[in-house]
Amino acid sequence: MTSTAVALLALVVAVLALAGAAVAVLRLRAVQRNFEVLWGSSERGHDVASVVKAEHDRISALDQRITALAGRVDGVHEHVAAGLRHVSVVRYDAFGDMGGRLSFSAAILDDSGDGLVISSIHARGESRTYAKGVIDGRSEITLSPEERQALAAARSDHRDA
């Protein structure tokens, strides 16, 4: 009877071990499916270490590209600041008998306030155009009220004014 009991006990242990192995295989397959979603097909033979190394290499390459782009942006910033990008136009009637506000003064400046003011005065029989240089927001030539208004509007357009 003891040998039958031992055999029966061995059979129960074997069945429990087989059931445990089946559960472990099912859980392993579930984990492998999750890894395939994260890392792609398991046919490539990825393990955790190779995937982590590949991601580290990819992030390092991205970091190098970002550093290079930051340097380029810093270089472009100086060129953008020197560009004539602050513009203002004031239209007006230079003479009381003329209608349509055909005369104008336009201020065109960079970030430091350097640039020019262009004025075009229209009369019945002629039109005259004047250009006056501007350095640091000021002109050596006397500006008309309309030119000063255009200059002030262009200066207020940029942050450093």
C-alpha atoms as a PDB file:
ATOM      1  CA  MET A   1       0.000   0.000   0.000  1.00  0.00           C
ATOM      2  CA  THR A   2       2.841   2.372   0.644  1.00  0.00           C
ATOM      3  CA  SER A   3       4.223   1.951  -2.835  1.00  0.00           C
ATOM      4  CA  THR A   4       0.774   2.678  -4.280  1.00  0.00           C
ATOM      5  CA  ALA A   5       0.493   5.778  -2.096  1.00  0.00           C
ATOM      6  CA  VAL A   6       3.942   6.930  -3.144  1.00  0.00           C
ATOM      7  CA  ALA A   7       3.076   6.327  -6.816  1.00  0.00           C
ATOM      8  CA  LEU A   8      -0.222   8.190  -6.396  1.00  0.00           C
ATOM      9  CA  LEU A   9       1.538  11.034  -4.636  1.00  0.00           C
ATOM     10  CA  ALA A  10       4.152  11.154  -7.435  1.00  0.00           C
ATOM     11  CA  LEU A  11       1.366  11.222 -10.002  1.00  0.00           C
ATOM     12  CA  VAL A  12      -0.343  14.151  -8.208  1.00  0.00           C
ATOM     13  CA  VAL A  13       2.951  16.040  -7.996  1.00  0.00           C
ATOM     14  CA  ALA A  14       3.624  15.370 -11.691  1.00  0.00           C
ATOM     15  CA  VAL A  15       0.147  16.602 -12.679  1.00  0.00           C
ATOM     16  CA  LEU A  16       0.594  19.744 -10.547  1.00  0.00           C
ATOM     17  CA  ALA A  17       4.037  20.324 -12.102  1.00  0.00           C
ATOM     18  CA  LEU A  18       2.584  19.875 -15.573  1.00  0.00           C
ATOM     19  CA  ALA A  19      -0.226  22.351 -14.796  1.00  0.00           C
ATOM     20  CA  GLY A  20       2.312  24.830 -13.384  1.00  0.00           C
ATOM     21  CA  ALA A  21       4.471  24.460 -16.507  1.00  0.00           C
ATOM     22  CA  ALA A  22       1.422  25.046 -18.740  1.00  0.00           C
ATOM     23  CA  VAL A  23       0.553  28.244 -16.805  1.00  0.00           C
ATOM     24  CA  ALA A  24       4.182  29.396 -17.039  1.00  0.00           C
ATOM     25  CA  VAL A  25       4.229  28.806 -20.826  1.00  0.00           C
ATOM     26  CA  LEU A  26       0.986  30.790 -21.265  1.00  0.00           C
ATOM     27  CA  ARG A  27       2.332  33.687 -19.196  1.00  0.00           C
ATOM     28  CA  LEU A  28       5.626  33.602 -21.125  1.00  0.00           C
ATOM     29  CA  ARG A  29       3.730  33.851 -24.425  1.00  0.00           C
ATOM     30  CA  ALA A  30       1.766  36.838 -23.091  1.00  0.00           C
ATOM     31  CA  VAL A  31       4.997  38.554 -22.054  1.00  0.00           C
ATOM     32  CA  GLN A  32       6.551  37.791 -25.460  1.00  0.00           C
ATOM     33  CA  ARG A  33       3.533  39.334 -27.220  1.00  0.00           C
ATOM     34  CA  ASN A  34       3.952  42.469 -25.099  1.00  0.00           C
ATOM     35  CA  PHE A  35       7.641  42.638 -25.990  1.00  0.00           C
ATOM     36  CA  GLU A  36       6.814  42.215 -29.676  1.00  0.00           C
ATOM     37  CA  VAL A  37       4.482  45.195 -29.438  1.00  0.00           C
ATOM     38  CA  LEU A  38       7.265  47.256 -27.848  1.00  0.00           C
ATOM     39  CA  TRP A  39      10.257  46.034 -29.852  1.00  0.00           C
ATOM     40  CA  GLY A  40       8.868  44.524 -33.026  1.00  0.00           C
ATOM     41  CA  SER A  41       8.939  40.946 -34.198  1.00  0.00           C
ATOM     42  CA  SER A  42      10.702  38.407 -32.010  1.00  0.00           C
ATOM     43  CA  GLU A  43      12.288  36.958 -35.174  1.00  0.00           C
ATOM     44  CA  ARG A  44      14.934  39.672 -34.936  1.00  0.00           C
ATOM     45  CA  GLY A  45      16.149  38.163 -31.701  1.00  0.00           C
ATOM     46  CA  HIS A  46      15.951  41.307 -29.573  1.00  0.00           C
ATOM     47  CA  ASP A  47      16.677  40.965 -25.937  1.00  0.00           C
ATOM     48  CA  VAL A  48      16.260  43.673 -23.318  1.00  0.00           C
ATOM     49  CA  ALA A  49      19.918  44.682 -23.365  1.00  0.00           C
ATOM     50  CA  SER A  50      20.090  45.119 -27.156  1.00  0.00           C
ATOM     51  CA  VAL A  51      16.834  47.098 -27.230  1.00  0.00           C
ATOM     52  CA  VAL A  52      17.984  49.384 -24.417  1.00  0.00           C
ATOM     53  CA  LYS A  53      21.363  49.891 -26.158  1.00  0.00           C
ATOM     54  CA  ALA A  54      19.640  50.701 -29.458  1.00  0.00           C
ATOM     55  CA  GLU A  55      17.393  53.247 -27.734  1.00  0.00           C
ATOM     56  CA  HIS A  56      20.397  54.755 -25.935  1.00  0.00           C
ATOM     57  CA  ASP A  57      22.236  55.090 -29.258  1.00  0.00           C
ATOM     58  CA  ARG A  58      19.170  56.668 -30.878  1.00  0.00           C
ATOM     59  CA  ILE A  59      18.757  59.171 -28.024  1.00  0.00           C
ATOM     60  CA  SER A  60      22.483  60.025 -28.141  1.00  0.00           C
ATOM     61  CA  ALA A  61      22.237  60.693 -31.892  1.00  0.00           C
ATOM     62  CA  LEU A  62      19.183  62.895 -31.324  1.00  0.00           C
ATOM     63  CA  ASP A  63      21.029  64.782 -28.590  1.00  0.00           C
ATOM     64  CA  GLN A  64      23.924  65.453 -30.979  1.00  0.00           C
ATOM     65  CA  ARG A  65      21.512  66.683 -33.662  1.00  0.00           C
ATOM     66  CA  ILE A  66      19.760  68.979 -31.172  1.00  0.00           C
ATOM     67  CA  THR A  67      23.107  70.419 -30.066  1.00  0.00           C
ATOM     68  CA  ALA A  68      24.075  71.054 -33.695  1.00  0.00           C
ATOM     69  CA  LEU A  69      20.708  72.677 -34.420  1.00  0.00           C
ATOM     70  CA  ALA A  70      21.005  74.882 -31.335  1.00  0.00           C
ATOM     71  CA  GLY A  71      24.332  76.164 -32.660  1.00  0.00           C
ATOM     72  CA  ARG A  72      22.764  76.908 -36.040  1.00  0.00           C
ATOM     73  CA  VAL A  73      19.845  78.727 -34.400  1.00  0.00           C
ATOM     74  CA  ASP A  74      22.263  80.889 -32.407  1.00  0.00           C
ATOM     75  CA  GLY A  75      24.052  81.792 -35.659  1.00  0.00           C
ATOM     76  CA  VAL A  76      20.791  82.601 -37.431  1.00  0.00           C
ATOM     77  CA  HIS A  77      19.620  84.798 -34.560  1.00  0.00           C
ATOM     78  CA  GLU A  78      22.322  87.370 -35.328  1.00  0.00           C
ATOM     79  CA  HIS A  79      21.311  87.483 -38.998  1.00  0.00           C
ATOM     80  CA  VAL A  80      17.632  87.857 -38.141  1.00  0.00           C
ATOM     81  CA  ALA A  81      18.366  90.734 -35.747  1.00  0.00           C
ATOM     82  CA  ALA A  82      20.202  92.560 -38.543  1.00  0.00           C
ATOM     83  CA  GLY A  83      17.301  92.123 -40.966  1.00  0.00           C
ATOM     84  CA  LEU A  84      15.086  95.081 -41.775  1.00  0.00           C
ATOM     85  CA  ARG A  85      11.899  93.638 -40.353  1.00  0.00           C
ATOM     86  CA  HIS A  86      10.246  96.433 -38.375  1.00  0.00           C
ATOM     87  CA  VAL A  87       8.145  98.422 -40.807  1.00  0.00           C
ATOM     88  CA  SER A  88       5.596 101.168 -40.394  1.00  0.00           C
ATOM     89  CA  VAL A  89       3.818 103.307 -42.989  1.00  0.00           C
ATOM     90  CA  VAL A  90       1.995 106.582 -42.332  1.00  0.00           C
ATOM     91  CA  ARG A  91      -0.222 107.885 -45.158  1.00  0.00           C
ATOM     92  CA  TYR A  92      -1.320 111.514 -45.271  1.00  0.00           C
ATOM     93  CA  ASP A  93      -2.336 114.437 -47.467  1.00  0.00           C
ATOM     94  CA  ALA A  94       0.756 116.595 -47.923  1.00  0.00           C
ATOM     95  CA  PHE A  95      -1.330 119.480 -49.297  1.00  0.00           C
ATOM     96  CA  GLY A  96      -4.787 120.460 -48.144  1.00  0.00           C
ATOM     97  CA  ASP A  97      -6.211 120.604 -51.682  1.00  0.00           C
ATOM     98  CA  MET A  98      -5.211 117.000 -52.504  1.00  0.00           C
ATOM     99  CA  GLY A  99      -7.438 114.083 -51.518  1.00  0.00           C
ATOM    100  CA  GLY A 100      -6.765 110.386 -51.179  1.00  0.00           C
ATOM    101  CA  ARG A 101      -3.804 110.518 -48.822  1.00  0.00           C
ATOM    102  CA  LEU A 102      -1.334 109.792 -51.620  1.00  0.00           C
ATOM    103  CA  SER A 103       1.743 110.919 -49.681  1.00  0.00           C
ATOM    104  CA  PHE A 104       3.432 108.531 -47.253  1.00  0.00           C
ATOM    105  CA  SER A 105       6.345 108.079 -44.885  1.00  0.00           C
ATOM    106  CA  ALA A 106       7.686 104.580 -44.252  1.00  0.00           C
ATOM    107  CA  ALA A 107      10.200 103.561 -41.584  1.00  0.00           C
ATOM    108  CA  ILE A 108      12.136 100.315 -42.082  1.00  0.00           C
ATOM    109  CA  LEU A 109      14.386  99.230 -39.182  1.00  0.00           C
ATOM    110  CA  ASP A 110      16.362  96.299 -37.802  1.00  0.00           C
ATOM    111  CA  ASP A 111      16.295  95.177 -34.153  1.00  0.00           C
ATOM    112  CA  SER A 112      18.884  97.769 -33.072  1.00  0.00           C
ATOM    113  CA  GLY A 113      16.932 100.660 -34.609  1.00  0.00           C
ATOM    114  CA  ASP A 114      19.125 101.072 -37.698  1.00  0.00           C
ATOM    115  CA  GLY A 115      17.517 101.516 -41.100  1.00  0.00           C
ATOM    116  CA  LEU A 116      15.862 104.277 -43.086  1.00  0.00           C
ATOM    117  CA  VAL A 117      12.809 106.465 -43.445  1.00  0.00           C
ATOM    118  CA  ILE A 118      11.417 106.916 -46.954  1.00  0.00           C
ATOM    119  CA  SER A 119       8.923 109.676 -47.705  1.00  0.00           C
ATOM    120  CA  SER A 120       7.059 110.296 -50.916  1.00  0.00           C
ATOM    121  CA  ILE A 121       5.267 113.632 -51.277  1.00  0.00           C
ATOM    122  CA  HIS A 122       2.616 113.756 -54.003  1.00  0.00           C
ATOM    123  CA  ALA A 123       1.359 117.036 -55.434  1.00  0.00           C
ATOM    124  CA  ARG A 124      -0.839 117.700 -58.462  1.00  0.00           C
ATOM    125  CA  GLY A 125       1.944 117.962 -60.994  1.00  0.00           C
ATOM    126  CA  GLU A 126       4.837 116.158 -59.383  1.00  0.00           C
ATOM    127  CA  SER A 127       5.988 113.620 -56.852  1.00  0.00           C
ATOM    128  CA  ARG A 128       9.150 113.774 -54.752  1.00  0.00           C
ATOM    129  CA  THR A 129      10.765 110.978 -52.787  1.00  0.00           C
ATOM    130  CA  TYR A 130      13.209 111.348 -49.907  1.00  0.00           C
ATOM    131  CA  ALA A 131      15.251 108.782 -47.985  1.00  0.00           C
ATOM    132  CA  LYS A 132      16.808 109.504 -44.599  1.00  0.00           C
ATOM    133  CA  GLY A 133      19.152 107.173 -42.744  1.00  0.00           C
ATOM    134  CA  VAL A 134      18.392 106.107 -39.188  1.00  0.00           C
ATOM    135  CA  ILE A 135      20.979 104.921 -36.667  1.00  0.00           C
ATOM    136  CA  ASP A 136      19.899 103.717 -33.240  1.00  0.00           C
ATOM    137  CA  GLY A 137      16.427 105.163 -33.776  1.00  0.00           C
ATOM    138  CA  ARG A 138      17.641 108.680 -34.673  1.00  0.00           C
ATOM    139  CA  SER A 139      18.314 110.507 -37.915  1.00  0.00           C
ATOM    140  CA  GLU A 140      20.953 113.206 -38.494  1.00  0.00           C
ATOM    141  CA  ILE A 141      18.484 114.897 -40.862  1.00  0.00           C
ATOM    142  CA  THR A 142      15.438 116.601 -39.373  1.00  0.00           C
ATOM    143  CA  LEU A 143      12.361 114.407 -39.652  1.00  0.00           C
ATOM    144  CA  SER A 144       8.865 115.626 -40.466  1.00  0.00           C
ATOM    145  CA  PRO A 145       6.044 114.863 -37.989  1.00  0.00           C
ATOM    146  CA  GLU A 146       4.826 112.022 -40.252  1.00  0.00           C
ATOM    147  CA  GLU A 147       8.335 110.580 -40.487  1.00  0.00           C
ATOM    148  CA  ARG A 148       8.708 110.735 -36.690  1.00  0.00           C
ATOM    149  CA  GLN A 149       5.322 108.997 -36.346  1.00  0.00           C
ATOM    150  CA  ALA A 150       6.379 106.201 -38.744  1.00  0.00           C
ATOM    151  CA  LEU A 151       9.726 105.836 -36.947  1.00  0.00           C
ATOM    152  CA  ALA A 152       8.069 105.630 -33.523  1.00  0.00           C
ATOM    153  CA  ALA A 153       5.596 103.011 -34.777  1.00  0.00           C
ATOM    154  CA  ALA A 154       8.385 100.898 -36.283  1.00  0.00           C
ATOM    155  CA  ARG A 155      10.467 101.198 -33.092  1.00  0.00           C
ATOM    156  CA  SER A 156       7.558 100.111 -30.908  1.00  0.00           C
ATOM    157  CA  ASP A 157       7.197  97.016 -33.102  1.00  0.00           C
ATOM    158  CA  HIS A 158      10.357  95.376 -31.755  1.00  0.00           C
ATOM    159  CA  ARG A 159      11.106  94.207 -28.234  1.00  0.00           C
ATOM    160  CA  ASP A 160      14.296  96.170 -27.634  1.00  0.00           C
ATOM    161  CA  ALA A 161      12.819  99.584 -28.444  1.00  0.00           C
END
